[in-house]
């Protein structure tokens, strides 16, 4: 893993099958993590982004990217898929770090700063004794932004989804970080039933985090 003085860590959290890894793959524009109709991710994976170009448009020096550490999406996906099989059989928590190359930066970054996405398994994973929610709480101080991903087809109609938002609220008391509540799986936002579910999410977010919480 390439080490840089500054890293901006963005944690993706959510319940089982909310589509966290699908969101991650969309952001990274390739299939780095395993996706499935059933629970897939079983390890905690850090993706350290590197880019061809510096923020001023100039070329990055070879020593700044250290191409020998950059992994392809295919090799990372193969490794993560194999890890998932083994980790589903155990109670251990495994963290892995991957250096990947982004053809285009998602946001402008300082040349000495890297954006890091953290893909965390579903916090309501069955038979895990809350180990992933405990992990989120334990690591909260290391996060710079948290994306709470909800299944937009369910809204906030389950206790697990309310618990996810309350987990975020509780940890915000330890360290205030930007929070993005993302409704995934919203294929047709113009559908009246779907729009109502998203509206319910907005109401619940305001109810939990306060009337001043911005929603979009």
N, C-alpha and C. Protein backbone atom coordinates (compact mmCIF):
# COMPACT_ATOMS: atom_id res chain seq x y z
N UNK A 1 0.83 -1.19 0.00
CA UNK A 1 0.00 0.00 0.00
C UNK A 1 0.86 1.24 0.00
N UNK A 2 0.52 2.24 -0.79
CA UNK A 2 1.24 3.50 -0.86
C UNK A 2 0.74 4.39 0.27
N UNK A 3 1.66 4.96 1.03
CA UNK A 3 1.29 5.81 2.15
C UNK A 3 1.48 7.27 1.78
N UNK A 4 0.50 8.10 2.08
CA UNK A 4 0.57 9.53 1.81
C UNK A 4 0.29 10.29 3.10
N UNK A 5 0.79 11.52 3.19
CA UNK A 5 0.59 12.30 4.41
C UNK A 5 -0.87 12.50 4.77
N UNK A 6 -1.73 12.67 3.77
CA UNK A 6 -3.13 12.97 4.03
C UNK A 6 -4.03 12.01 3.25
N UNK A 7 -5.02 11.46 3.95
CA UNK A 7 -6.02 10.63 3.29
C UNK A 7 -7.39 11.05 3.79
N UNK A 8 -8.33 11.20 2.87
CA UNK A 8 -9.71 11.51 3.19
C UNK A 8 -10.50 10.22 3.12
N UNK A 9 -10.95 9.73 4.28
CA UNK A 9 -11.62 8.43 4.35
C UNK A 9 -13.13 8.59 4.33
N UNK A 10 -13.76 7.95 3.35
CA UNK A 10 -15.21 7.97 3.19
C UNK A 10 -15.74 6.57 3.44
N UNK A 11 -16.50 6.40 4.51
CA UNK A 11 -17.02 5.09 4.88
C UNK A 11 -18.42 4.89 4.28
N UNK A 12 -18.62 3.75 3.64
CA UNK A 12 -19.93 3.36 3.11
C UNK A 12 -20.54 2.36 4.08
N UNK A 13 -21.65 2.73 4.71
CA UNK A 13 -22.29 1.83 5.67
C UNK A 13 -23.74 1.63 5.27
N UNK A 14 -24.31 0.52 5.71
CA UNK A 14 -25.70 0.23 5.39
C UNK A 14 -26.04 -1.17 5.84
N UNK A 15 -27.25 -1.59 5.58
CA UNK A 15 -27.69 -2.94 5.94
C UNK A 15 -27.39 -3.92 4.82
N UNK A 16 -27.58 -5.18 5.12
CA UNK A 16 -27.33 -6.24 4.14
C UNK A 16 -28.17 -5.99 2.89
N UNK A 17 -27.52 -6.10 1.72
CA UNK A 17 -28.19 -6.01 0.41
C UNK A 17 -28.78 -4.63 0.12
N UNK A 18 -28.26 -3.59 0.79
CA UNK A 18 -28.70 -2.23 0.46
C UNK A 18 -28.03 -1.73 -0.82
N UNK A 19 -26.97 -2.42 -1.24
CA UNK A 19 -26.29 -2.05 -2.48
C UNK A 19 -25.05 -1.19 -2.25
N UNK A 20 -24.39 -1.36 -1.10
CA UNK A 20 -23.21 -0.54 -0.80
C UNK A 20 -22.10 -0.77 -1.83
N UNK A 21 -21.82 -2.05 -2.11
CA UNK A 21 -20.74 -2.35 -3.05
C UNK A 21 -21.11 -1.93 -4.47
N UNK A 22 -22.38 -2.01 -4.81
CA UNK A 22 -22.83 -1.55 -6.12
C UNK A 22 -22.56 -0.05 -6.27
N UNK A 23 -22.84 0.70 -5.21
CA UNK A 23 -22.55 2.14 -5.22
C UNK A 23 -21.06 2.38 -5.38
N UNK A 24 -20.26 1.60 -4.62
CA UNK A 24 -18.81 1.73 -4.71
C UNK A 24 -18.32 1.46 -6.13
N UNK A 25 -18.78 0.38 -6.73
CA UNK A 25 -18.36 0.05 -8.09
C UNK A 25 -18.75 1.15 -9.07
N UNK A 26 -19.91 1.75 -8.87
CA UNK A 26 -20.35 2.84 -9.74
C UNK A 26 -19.43 4.05 -9.59
N UNK A 27 -19.05 4.36 -8.37
CA UNK A 27 -18.15 5.49 -8.13
C UNK A 27 -16.78 5.25 -8.75
N UNK A 28 -16.30 4.00 -8.64
CA UNK A 28 -14.97 3.67 -9.15
C UNK A 28 -14.99 3.29 -10.63
N UNK A 29 -16.20 3.18 -11.20
CA UNK A 29 -16.39 2.92 -12.64
C UNK A 29 -15.81 1.59 -13.09
N UNK A 30 -15.85 0.61 -12.19
CA UNK A 30 -15.43 -0.74 -12.54
C UNK A 30 -15.91 -1.67 -11.44
N UNK A 31 -15.83 -2.98 -11.67
CA UNK A 31 -16.31 -3.94 -10.68
C UNK A 31 -15.15 -4.38 -9.80
N UNK A 32 -14.98 -3.69 -8.67
CA UNK A 32 -13.93 -4.02 -7.72
C UNK A 32 -14.44 -4.95 -6.61
N UNK A 33 -15.71 -4.80 -6.25
CA UNK A 33 -16.28 -5.60 -5.17
C UNK A 33 -17.37 -6.53 -5.67
N UNK A 34 -17.55 -7.62 -4.95
CA UNK A 34 -18.55 -8.63 -5.32
C UNK A 34 -19.95 -8.13 -5.01
N UNK A 35 -20.86 -8.31 -5.96
CA UNK A 35 -22.26 -7.95 -5.75
C UNK A 35 -23.12 -9.18 -6.00
N UNK A 36 -24.26 -9.25 -5.28
CA UNK A 36 -25.12 -10.41 -5.37
C UNK A 36 -26.50 -10.04 -4.85
N UNK A 37 -27.50 -10.84 -5.20
CA UNK A 37 -28.84 -10.63 -4.66
C UNK A 37 -28.85 -10.94 -3.17
N UNK A 38 -27.96 -11.84 -2.73
CA UNK A 38 -27.83 -12.16 -1.30
C UNK A 38 -26.65 -11.40 -0.73
N UNK A 39 -26.40 -11.54 0.56
CA UNK A 39 -25.28 -10.84 1.19
C UNK A 39 -23.98 -11.28 0.51
N UNK A 40 -23.11 -10.32 0.27
CA UNK A 40 -21.88 -10.63 -0.44
C UNK A 40 -20.65 -10.22 0.37
N UNK A 41 -20.49 -8.94 0.62
CA UNK A 41 -19.28 -8.44 1.28
C UNK A 41 -19.17 -8.99 2.70
N UNK A 42 -18.01 -9.57 3.01
CA UNK A 42 -17.78 -10.12 4.35
C UNK A 42 -16.51 -9.57 4.98
N UNK A 43 -15.73 -8.82 4.20
CA UNK A 43 -14.52 -8.20 4.72
C UNK A 43 -14.61 -6.69 4.60
N UNK A 44 -13.78 -5.99 5.35
CA UNK A 44 -13.75 -4.53 5.30
C UNK A 44 -12.62 -4.13 4.38
N UNK A 45 -12.97 -3.48 3.27
CA UNK A 45 -12.00 -3.20 2.22
C UNK A 45 -11.81 -1.70 2.03
N UNK A 46 -10.55 -1.29 2.07
CA UNK A 46 -10.16 0.10 1.86
C UNK A 46 -9.63 0.25 0.43
N UNK A 47 -10.21 1.19 -0.31
CA UNK A 47 -9.78 1.44 -1.68
C UNK A 47 -9.12 2.82 -1.74
N UNK A 48 -7.81 2.83 -1.95
CA UNK A 48 -7.02 4.07 -2.00
C UNK A 48 -6.91 4.50 -3.46
N UNK A 49 -7.47 5.65 -3.79
CA UNK A 49 -7.53 6.10 -5.18
C UNK A 49 -6.28 6.87 -5.57
N UNK A 50 -5.80 6.56 -6.76
CA UNK A 50 -4.68 7.29 -7.37
C UNK A 50 -5.11 7.73 -8.76
N UNK A 51 -4.55 8.81 -9.24
CA UNK A 51 -4.96 9.36 -10.52
C UNK A 51 -3.76 9.57 -11.43
N UNK A 52 -4.03 9.58 -12.74
CA UNK A 52 -2.96 9.85 -13.71
C UNK A 52 -2.48 11.30 -13.63
N UNK A 53 -3.40 12.19 -13.29
CA UNK A 53 -3.09 13.62 -13.39
C UNK A 53 -3.10 14.30 -12.04
N UNK A 54 -2.23 15.28 -11.88
CA UNK A 54 -2.23 16.10 -10.68
C UNK A 54 -3.34 17.13 -10.79
N UNK A 55 -3.64 17.80 -9.68
CA UNK A 55 -4.76 18.73 -9.65
C UNK A 55 -4.58 19.91 -10.59
N UNK A 56 -3.31 20.24 -10.96
CA UNK A 56 -3.09 21.36 -11.88
C UNK A 56 -3.07 20.91 -13.33
N UNK A 57 -3.38 19.62 -13.56
CA UNK A 57 -3.45 19.11 -14.92
C UNK A 57 -2.14 18.52 -15.42
N UNK A 58 -1.07 18.67 -14.65
CA UNK A 58 0.22 18.14 -15.06
C UNK A 58 0.28 16.63 -14.79
N UNK A 59 1.29 15.99 -15.35
CA UNK A 59 1.43 14.55 -15.14
C UNK A 59 1.98 14.26 -13.76
N UNK A 60 1.48 13.21 -13.14
CA UNK A 60 1.98 12.78 -11.85
C UNK A 60 3.31 12.06 -12.05
N UNK A 61 4.28 12.35 -11.21
CA UNK A 61 5.58 11.69 -11.31
C UNK A 61 5.44 10.21 -10.96
N UNK A 62 6.22 9.34 -11.58
CA UNK A 62 6.11 7.90 -11.32
C UNK A 62 6.19 7.55 -9.85
N UNK A 63 7.10 8.23 -9.10
CA UNK A 63 7.24 7.88 -7.70
C UNK A 63 6.00 8.25 -6.89
N UNK A 64 5.14 9.15 -7.44
CA UNK A 64 3.94 9.56 -6.72
C UNK A 64 2.84 8.51 -6.82
N UNK A 65 2.89 7.69 -7.86
CA UNK A 65 1.86 6.68 -8.03
C UNK A 65 2.36 5.27 -7.69
N UNK A 66 3.69 5.05 -7.88
CA UNK A 66 4.27 3.73 -7.60
C UNK A 66 3.42 2.63 -8.22
N UNK A 67 3.48 2.55 -9.55
CA UNK A 67 2.60 1.67 -10.31
C UNK A 67 2.68 0.21 -9.88
N UNK A 68 3.76 -0.18 -9.24
CA UNK A 68 3.90 -1.59 -8.83
C UNK A 68 2.87 -1.98 -7.79
N UNK A 69 2.29 -1.01 -7.09
CA UNK A 69 1.29 -1.30 -6.06
C UNK A 69 -0.14 -1.21 -6.57
N UNK A 70 -0.33 -0.66 -7.77
CA UNK A 70 -1.67 -0.49 -8.32
C UNK A 70 -2.22 -1.86 -8.73
N UNK A 71 -3.46 -2.12 -8.32
CA UNK A 71 -4.12 -3.39 -8.63
C UNK A 71 -5.23 -3.18 -9.64
N UNK A 72 -5.44 -4.17 -10.51
CA UNK A 72 -6.54 -4.11 -11.46
C UNK A 72 -7.85 -4.49 -10.77
N UNK A 73 -8.96 -4.06 -11.36
CA UNK A 73 -10.27 -4.40 -10.81
C UNK A 73 -10.47 -5.91 -10.79
N UNK A 74 -10.01 -6.60 -11.85
CA UNK A 74 -10.21 -8.05 -11.94
C UNK A 74 -9.48 -8.79 -10.82
N UNK A 75 -8.23 -8.41 -10.56
CA UNK A 75 -7.47 -9.12 -9.53
C UNK A 75 -8.02 -8.84 -8.13
N UNK A 76 -8.47 -7.60 -7.91
CA UNK A 76 -9.05 -7.26 -6.61
C UNK A 76 -10.37 -8.00 -6.41
N UNK A 77 -11.21 -8.02 -7.44
CA UNK A 77 -12.49 -8.72 -7.34
C UNK A 77 -12.29 -10.19 -7.04
N UNK A 78 -11.32 -10.81 -7.71
CA UNK A 78 -11.03 -12.24 -7.47
C UNK A 78 -10.63 -12.47 -6.03
N UNK A 79 -9.75 -11.61 -5.50
CA UNK A 79 -9.27 -11.77 -4.12
C UNK A 79 -10.40 -11.55 -3.12
N UNK A 80 -11.19 -10.51 -3.33
CA UNK A 80 -12.28 -10.21 -2.40
C UNK A 80 -13.33 -11.33 -2.42
N UNK A 81 -13.64 -11.85 -3.60
CA UNK A 81 -14.63 -12.92 -3.70
C UNK A 81 -14.17 -14.16 -2.95
N UNK A 82 -12.89 -14.48 -3.07
CA UNK A 82 -12.34 -15.63 -2.34
C UNK A 82 -12.36 -15.37 -0.83
N UNK A 83 -12.01 -14.15 -0.44
CA UNK A 83 -12.04 -13.80 0.99
C UNK A 83 -13.45 -13.94 1.55
N UNK A 84 -14.44 -13.49 0.78
CA UNK A 84 -15.82 -13.52 1.26
C UNK A 84 -16.26 -14.93 1.62
N UNK A 85 -15.86 -15.91 0.82
CA UNK A 85 -16.23 -17.30 1.07
C UNK A 85 -15.71 -17.75 2.43
N UNK A 86 -14.44 -17.43 2.70
CA UNK A 86 -13.82 -17.86 3.95
C UNK A 86 -14.34 -17.07 5.14
N UNK A 87 -14.53 -15.76 4.96
CA UNK A 87 -14.94 -14.91 6.09
C UNK A 87 -16.36 -15.19 6.54
N UNK A 88 -17.22 -15.66 5.63
CA UNK A 88 -18.59 -16.00 6.03
C UNK A 88 -18.62 -17.19 6.97
N UNK A 89 -17.54 -17.93 7.03
CA UNK A 89 -17.47 -19.11 7.91
C UNK A 89 -16.90 -18.76 9.28
N UNK A 90 -16.44 -17.54 9.48
CA UNK A 90 -15.76 -17.20 10.73
C UNK A 90 -16.34 -15.93 11.33
N UNK A 91 -15.91 -15.63 12.54
CA UNK A 91 -16.34 -14.42 13.22
C UNK A 91 -15.26 -13.34 13.20
N UNK A 92 -14.18 -13.60 12.50
CA UNK A 92 -13.08 -12.64 12.47
C UNK A 92 -13.45 -11.42 11.63
N UNK A 93 -12.82 -10.30 11.96
CA UNK A 93 -12.94 -9.08 11.17
C UNK A 93 -11.64 -8.90 10.40
N UNK A 94 -11.74 -8.78 9.11
CA UNK A 94 -10.55 -8.62 8.27
C UNK A 94 -10.59 -7.28 7.55
N UNK A 95 -9.49 -6.55 7.63
CA UNK A 95 -9.33 -5.32 6.87
C UNK A 95 -8.29 -5.56 5.77
N UNK A 96 -8.59 -5.10 4.57
CA UNK A 96 -7.61 -5.15 3.49
C UNK A 96 -7.56 -3.80 2.79
N UNK A 97 -6.37 -3.47 2.28
CA UNK A 97 -6.16 -2.20 1.60
C UNK A 97 -5.75 -2.45 0.16
N UNK A 98 -6.36 -1.69 -0.75
CA UNK A 98 -6.06 -1.84 -2.17
C UNK A 98 -5.78 -0.48 -2.78
N UNK A 99 -4.69 -0.39 -3.55
CA UNK A 99 -4.38 0.81 -4.31
C UNK A 99 -4.94 0.64 -5.71
N UNK A 100 -5.75 1.59 -6.14
CA UNK A 100 -6.36 1.49 -7.46
C UNK A 100 -6.16 2.79 -8.22
N UNK A 101 -6.21 2.71 -9.53
CA UNK A 101 -6.00 3.87 -10.38
C UNK A 101 -7.33 4.37 -10.91
N UNK A 102 -7.63 5.65 -10.65
CA UNK A 102 -8.84 6.27 -11.17
C UNK A 102 -8.48 7.08 -12.41
N UNK A 103 -9.12 6.77 -13.53
CA UNK A 103 -8.82 7.50 -14.76
C UNK A 103 -9.18 8.97 -14.62
N UNK A 104 -10.25 9.25 -13.90
CA UNK A 104 -10.68 10.63 -13.66
C UNK A 104 -10.99 10.78 -12.18
N UNK A 105 -10.46 11.83 -11.56
CA UNK A 105 -10.72 12.05 -10.15
C UNK A 105 -12.19 12.37 -9.93
N UNK A 106 -12.77 11.82 -8.88
CA UNK A 106 -14.18 12.09 -8.56
C UNK A 106 -14.37 13.54 -8.14
N UNK A 107 -13.42 14.04 -7.37
CA UNK A 107 -13.43 15.43 -6.92
C UNK A 107 -12.00 15.95 -6.98
N UNK A 108 -11.82 17.26 -7.12
CA UNK A 108 -10.45 17.79 -7.11
C UNK A 108 -9.78 17.52 -5.77
N UNK A 109 -8.55 17.01 -5.82
CA UNK A 109 -7.81 16.69 -4.61
C UNK A 109 -6.45 17.37 -4.65
N UNK A 110 -5.93 17.72 -3.47
CA UNK A 110 -4.56 18.21 -3.39
C UNK A 110 -3.62 17.10 -3.81
N UNK A 111 -2.46 17.49 -4.34
CA UNK A 111 -1.53 16.49 -4.86
C UNK A 111 -0.98 15.57 -3.77
N UNK A 112 -1.01 16.03 -2.50
CA UNK A 112 -0.49 15.19 -1.41
C UNK A 112 -1.60 14.48 -0.65
N UNK A 113 -2.79 14.41 -1.26
CA UNK A 113 -3.95 13.83 -0.57
C UNK A 113 -4.59 12.74 -1.41
N UNK A 114 -5.01 11.68 -0.76
CA UNK A 114 -5.68 10.58 -1.45
C UNK A 114 -7.09 10.42 -0.89
N UNK A 115 -8.02 10.09 -1.78
CA UNK A 115 -9.38 9.75 -1.38
C UNK A 115 -9.45 8.25 -1.16
N UNK A 116 -10.03 7.85 -0.03
CA UNK A 116 -10.13 6.43 0.33
C UNK A 116 -11.59 6.08 0.59
N UNK A 117 -12.09 5.07 -0.09
CA UNK A 117 -13.43 4.56 0.17
C UNK A 117 -13.32 3.28 1.00
N UNK A 118 -14.18 3.17 2.01
CA UNK A 118 -14.18 2.00 2.89
C UNK A 118 -15.50 1.28 2.73
N UNK A 119 -15.45 0.07 2.22
CA UNK A 119 -16.65 -0.75 2.01
C UNK A 119 -16.80 -1.67 3.21
N UNK A 120 -17.88 -1.44 3.98
CA UNK A 120 -18.10 -2.17 5.23
C UNK A 120 -19.32 -3.09 5.08
N UNK A 121 -19.23 -4.35 5.48
CA UNK A 121 -20.38 -5.27 5.37
C UNK A 121 -21.61 -4.74 6.11
N UNK A 122 -22.77 -5.30 5.77
CA UNK A 122 -24.03 -4.88 6.37
C UNK A 122 -24.00 -4.95 7.89
N UNK A 123 -24.38 -3.85 8.53
CA UNK A 123 -24.27 -3.80 9.98
C UNK A 123 -25.33 -4.66 10.67
N UNK A 124 -26.36 -5.08 9.91
CA UNK A 124 -27.37 -5.97 10.50
C UNK A 124 -27.16 -7.42 10.05
N UNK A 125 -25.94 -7.73 9.67
CA UNK A 125 -25.60 -9.09 9.25
C UNK A 125 -26.01 -10.10 10.32
N UNK A 126 -26.70 -11.15 9.91
CA UNK A 126 -27.17 -12.16 10.87
C UNK A 126 -26.00 -12.93 11.46
N UNK A 127 -26.15 -13.30 12.73
CA UNK A 127 -25.18 -14.15 13.44
C UNK A 127 -23.78 -13.53 13.55
N UNK A 128 -23.69 -12.19 13.55
CA UNK A 128 -22.38 -11.56 13.69
C UNK A 128 -22.24 -10.83 15.01
N UNK A 129 -23.27 -10.86 15.85
CA UNK A 129 -23.21 -10.25 17.17
C UNK A 129 -22.82 -8.77 17.09
N UNK A 130 -23.39 -8.08 16.13
CA UNK A 130 -23.20 -6.64 15.94
C UNK A 130 -21.74 -6.25 15.70
N UNK A 131 -20.94 -7.17 15.18
CA UNK A 131 -19.51 -6.86 15.05
C UNK A 131 -19.25 -5.72 14.07
N UNK A 132 -20.08 -5.58 13.03
CA UNK A 132 -19.82 -4.52 12.06
C UNK A 132 -20.31 -3.16 12.56
N UNK A 133 -21.41 -3.14 13.28
CA UNK A 133 -21.84 -1.86 13.88
C UNK A 133 -20.84 -1.45 14.95
N UNK A 134 -20.30 -2.43 15.69
CA UNK A 134 -19.27 -2.13 16.67
C UNK A 134 -18.02 -1.60 15.98
N UNK A 135 -17.70 -2.17 14.83
CA UNK A 135 -16.53 -1.71 14.07
C UNK A 135 -16.71 -0.25 13.65
N UNK A 136 -17.91 0.07 13.15
CA UNK A 136 -18.19 1.45 12.74
C UNK A 136 -17.99 2.40 13.92
N UNK A 137 -18.50 2.03 15.07
CA UNK A 137 -18.36 2.87 16.26
C UNK A 137 -16.90 3.00 16.68
N UNK A 138 -16.18 1.90 16.61
CA UNK A 138 -14.78 1.90 17.02
C UNK A 138 -13.92 2.76 16.09
N UNK A 139 -14.22 2.72 14.80
CA UNK A 139 -13.41 3.42 13.80
C UNK A 139 -13.94 4.81 13.45
N UNK A 140 -15.04 5.21 14.08
CA UNK A 140 -15.71 6.46 13.69
C UNK A 140 -14.74 7.65 13.66
N UNK A 141 -13.87 7.74 14.64
CA UNK A 141 -12.95 8.87 14.72
C UNK A 141 -11.99 8.94 13.53
N UNK A 142 -11.86 7.85 12.79
CA UNK A 142 -10.94 7.85 11.64
C UNK A 142 -11.65 8.24 10.34
N UNK A 143 -12.97 8.33 10.37
CA UNK A 143 -13.72 8.66 9.16
C UNK A 143 -13.78 10.18 8.96
N UNK A 144 -13.74 10.61 7.70
CA UNK A 144 -13.89 12.03 7.37
C UNK A 144 -15.25 12.32 6.75
N UNK A 145 -15.93 11.29 6.31
CA UNK A 145 -17.29 11.41 5.75
C UNK A 145 -17.93 10.03 5.82
N UNK A 146 -19.24 10.00 6.03
CA UNK A 146 -19.96 8.72 6.10
C UNK A 146 -21.14 8.78 5.14
N UNK A 147 -21.25 7.76 4.30
CA UNK A 147 -22.40 7.62 3.40
C UNK A 147 -23.26 6.48 3.94
N UNK A 148 -24.45 6.82 4.43
CA UNK A 148 -25.39 5.82 4.94
C UNK A 148 -26.32 5.44 3.79
N UNK A 149 -26.22 4.20 3.34
CA UNK A 149 -26.95 3.76 2.16
C UNK A 149 -28.19 2.96 2.57
N UNK A 150 -29.34 3.43 2.11
CA UNK A 150 -30.61 2.76 2.39
C UNK A 150 -31.16 2.13 1.12
N UNK A 151 -31.88 1.05 1.27
CA UNK A 151 -32.60 0.45 0.15
C UNK A 151 -33.82 1.32 -0.14
N UNK A 152 -33.77 2.06 -1.23
CA UNK A 152 -34.84 3.00 -1.55
C UNK A 152 -36.18 2.34 -1.79
N UNK A 153 -36.18 1.05 -2.10
CA UNK A 153 -37.44 0.35 -2.32
C UNK A 153 -38.14 0.00 -1.01
N UNK A 154 -37.41 0.13 0.11
CA UNK A 154 -37.99 -0.15 1.42
C UNK A 154 -38.21 1.12 2.24
N UNK A 155 -37.56 2.20 1.85
CA UNK A 155 -37.69 3.43 2.63
C UNK A 155 -37.12 3.23 4.02
N UNK A 156 -37.88 3.63 5.02
CA UNK A 156 -37.46 3.39 6.42
C UNK A 156 -38.56 2.60 7.12
N UNK A 157 -38.98 1.52 6.47
CA UNK A 157 -40.10 0.73 6.98
C UNK A 157 -39.68 -0.45 7.83
N UNK A 158 -38.39 -0.54 8.17
CA UNK A 158 -37.94 -1.62 9.05
C UNK A 158 -37.13 -1.02 10.21
N UNK A 159 -37.11 -1.75 11.32
CA UNK A 159 -36.36 -1.30 12.48
C UNK A 159 -34.87 -1.23 12.18
N UNK A 160 -34.39 -2.13 11.31
CA UNK A 160 -32.97 -2.13 10.96
C UNK A 160 -32.56 -0.82 10.31
N UNK A 161 -33.43 -0.28 9.47
CA UNK A 161 -33.09 0.97 8.78
C UNK A 161 -33.09 2.16 9.74
N UNK A 162 -34.04 2.18 10.66
CA UNK A 162 -34.04 3.23 11.68
C UNK A 162 -32.81 3.08 12.56
N UNK A 163 -32.45 1.84 12.88
CA UNK A 163 -31.27 1.59 13.72
C UNK A 163 -30.00 2.08 13.05
N UNK A 164 -29.92 1.94 11.73
CA UNK A 164 -28.76 2.43 10.99
C UNK A 164 -28.60 3.94 11.17
N UNK A 165 -29.71 4.67 11.02
CA UNK A 165 -29.65 6.12 11.16
C UNK A 165 -29.34 6.51 12.60
N UNK A 166 -29.87 5.78 13.55
CA UNK A 166 -29.58 6.08 14.96
C UNK A 166 -28.13 5.77 15.31
N UNK A 167 -27.56 4.76 14.67
CA UNK A 167 -26.13 4.47 14.86
C UNK A 167 -25.29 5.67 14.43
N UNK A 168 -25.65 6.24 13.30
CA UNK A 168 -24.95 7.43 12.82
C UNK A 168 -25.10 8.58 13.80
N UNK A 169 -26.32 8.81 14.25
CA UNK A 169 -26.59 9.91 15.18
C UNK A 169 -25.77 9.76 16.46
N UNK A 170 -25.74 8.54 17.00
CA UNK A 170 -25.00 8.30 18.23
C UNK A 170 -23.51 8.60 18.07
N UNK A 171 -22.95 8.16 16.94
CA UNK A 171 -21.52 8.35 16.73
C UNK A 171 -21.16 9.80 16.39
N UNK A 172 -22.11 10.55 15.89
CA UNK A 172 -21.86 11.96 15.61
C UNK A 172 -21.54 12.74 16.88
N UNK A 173 -21.96 12.21 18.02
CA UNK A 173 -21.66 12.88 19.29
C UNK A 173 -20.17 12.77 19.62
N UNK A 174 -19.52 11.75 19.06
CA UNK A 174 -18.09 11.58 19.30
C UNK A 174 -17.26 12.44 18.35
N UNK A 175 -17.68 12.49 17.09
CA UNK A 175 -16.97 13.29 16.09
C UNK A 175 -17.97 13.68 15.02
N UNK A 176 -18.10 14.98 14.78
CA UNK A 176 -19.01 15.47 13.75
C UNK A 176 -18.34 15.37 12.39
N UNK A 177 -18.92 14.59 11.50
CA UNK A 177 -18.41 14.45 10.13
C UNK A 177 -19.58 14.65 9.18
N UNK A 178 -19.32 15.04 7.93
CA UNK A 178 -20.40 15.15 6.95
C UNK A 178 -21.08 13.80 6.75
N UNK A 179 -22.40 13.81 6.70
CA UNK A 179 -23.19 12.59 6.51
C UNK A 179 -24.01 12.72 5.23
N UNK A 180 -23.95 11.70 4.40
CA UNK A 180 -24.80 11.62 3.20
C UNK A 180 -25.71 10.42 3.37
N UNK A 181 -27.02 10.64 3.35
CA UNK A 181 -27.99 9.54 3.38
C UNK A 181 -28.42 9.31 1.94
N UNK A 182 -28.07 8.15 1.42
CA UNK A 182 -28.29 7.86 0.00
C UNK A 182 -29.33 6.76 -0.15
N UNK A 183 -30.40 7.06 -0.90
CA UNK A 183 -31.42 6.06 -1.21
C UNK A 183 -31.01 5.34 -2.50
N UNK A 184 -30.61 4.11 -2.37
CA UNK A 184 -30.19 3.31 -3.52
C UNK A 184 -31.39 2.57 -4.10
N UNK A 185 -31.20 1.99 -5.27
CA UNK A 185 -32.21 1.17 -5.97
C UNK A 185 -33.45 1.98 -6.35
N UNK A 186 -33.30 3.26 -6.55
CA UNK A 186 -34.41 4.11 -7.00
C UNK A 186 -34.33 4.18 -8.52
N UNK A 187 -34.89 3.17 -9.19
CA UNK A 187 -34.79 3.08 -10.64
C UNK A 187 -35.66 4.11 -11.35
N UNK A 188 -36.80 4.43 -10.76
CA UNK A 188 -37.71 5.40 -11.38
C UNK A 188 -38.17 6.40 -10.33
N UNK A 189 -37.43 7.50 -10.17
CA UNK A 189 -37.77 8.48 -9.13
C UNK A 189 -39.11 9.17 -9.37
N UNK A 190 -39.64 9.05 -10.60
CA UNK A 190 -40.93 9.69 -10.91
C UNK A 190 -42.12 8.81 -10.52
N UNK A 191 -41.84 7.53 -10.22
CA UNK A 191 -42.91 6.63 -9.78
C UNK A 191 -43.48 7.13 -8.45
N UNK A 192 -44.80 7.25 -8.36
CA UNK A 192 -45.43 7.87 -7.20
C UNK A 192 -45.15 7.09 -5.92
N UNK A 193 -45.21 5.77 -5.99
CA UNK A 193 -44.96 4.96 -4.80
C UNK A 193 -43.51 5.10 -4.34
N UNK A 194 -42.60 5.08 -5.33
CA UNK A 194 -41.19 5.24 -5.00
C UNK A 194 -40.91 6.63 -4.43
N UNK A 195 -41.52 7.64 -5.02
CA UNK A 195 -41.33 9.01 -4.54
C UNK A 195 -41.82 9.17 -3.11
N UNK A 196 -42.88 8.48 -2.77
CA UNK A 196 -43.41 8.55 -1.41
C UNK A 196 -42.44 7.91 -0.41
N UNK A 197 -41.81 6.81 -0.82
CA UNK A 197 -40.83 6.16 0.05
C UNK A 197 -39.63 7.07 0.30
N UNK A 198 -39.18 7.74 -0.74
CA UNK A 198 -38.06 8.67 -0.58
C UNK A 198 -38.46 9.84 0.31
N UNK A 199 -39.71 10.29 0.16
CA UNK A 199 -40.21 11.37 1.02
C UNK A 199 -40.22 10.92 2.49
N UNK A 200 -40.59 9.66 2.73
CA UNK A 200 -40.57 9.13 4.09
C UNK A 200 -39.16 9.13 4.67
N UNK A 201 -38.18 8.81 3.82
CA UNK A 201 -36.79 8.84 4.28
C UNK A 201 -36.40 10.25 4.68
N UNK A 202 -36.75 11.23 3.86
CA UNK A 202 -36.44 12.62 4.18
C UNK A 202 -37.05 13.01 5.54
N UNK A 203 -38.30 12.62 5.76
CA UNK A 203 -38.97 12.96 7.02
C UNK A 203 -38.27 12.30 8.20
N UNK A 204 -37.87 11.03 8.03
CA UNK A 204 -37.23 10.32 9.13
C UNK A 204 -35.85 10.89 9.42
N UNK A 205 -35.12 11.28 8.36
CA UNK A 205 -33.81 11.89 8.56
C UNK A 205 -33.94 13.19 9.35
N UNK A 206 -34.94 14.00 9.01
CA UNK A 206 -35.16 15.24 9.75
C UNK A 206 -35.60 14.96 11.19
N UNK A 207 -36.40 13.91 11.36
CA UNK A 207 -36.87 13.56 12.70
C UNK A 207 -35.72 13.10 13.59
N UNK A 208 -34.78 12.33 13.03
CA UNK A 208 -33.68 11.79 13.81
C UNK A 208 -32.57 12.81 14.02
N UNK A 209 -32.24 13.53 12.97
CA UNK A 209 -31.08 14.43 13.04
C UNK A 209 -31.45 15.89 13.33
N UNK A 210 -32.74 16.19 13.34
CA UNK A 210 -33.15 17.57 13.64
C UNK A 210 -33.77 18.22 12.43
N UNK A 211 -34.63 19.19 12.69
CA UNK A 211 -35.39 19.85 11.62
C UNK A 211 -34.50 20.61 10.65
N UNK A 212 -33.28 20.94 11.08
CA UNK A 212 -32.40 21.72 10.21
C UNK A 212 -31.57 20.86 9.29
N UNK A 213 -31.70 19.52 9.41
CA UNK A 213 -30.89 18.64 8.57
C UNK A 213 -31.25 18.86 7.10
N UNK A 214 -30.25 19.17 6.24
CA UNK A 214 -30.56 19.40 4.83
C UNK A 214 -30.94 18.11 4.13
N UNK A 215 -31.91 18.17 3.23
CA UNK A 215 -32.29 17.02 2.41
C UNK A 215 -32.40 17.48 0.97
N UNK A 216 -32.17 16.55 0.06
CA UNK A 216 -32.19 16.88 -1.35
C UNK A 216 -33.01 15.86 -2.11
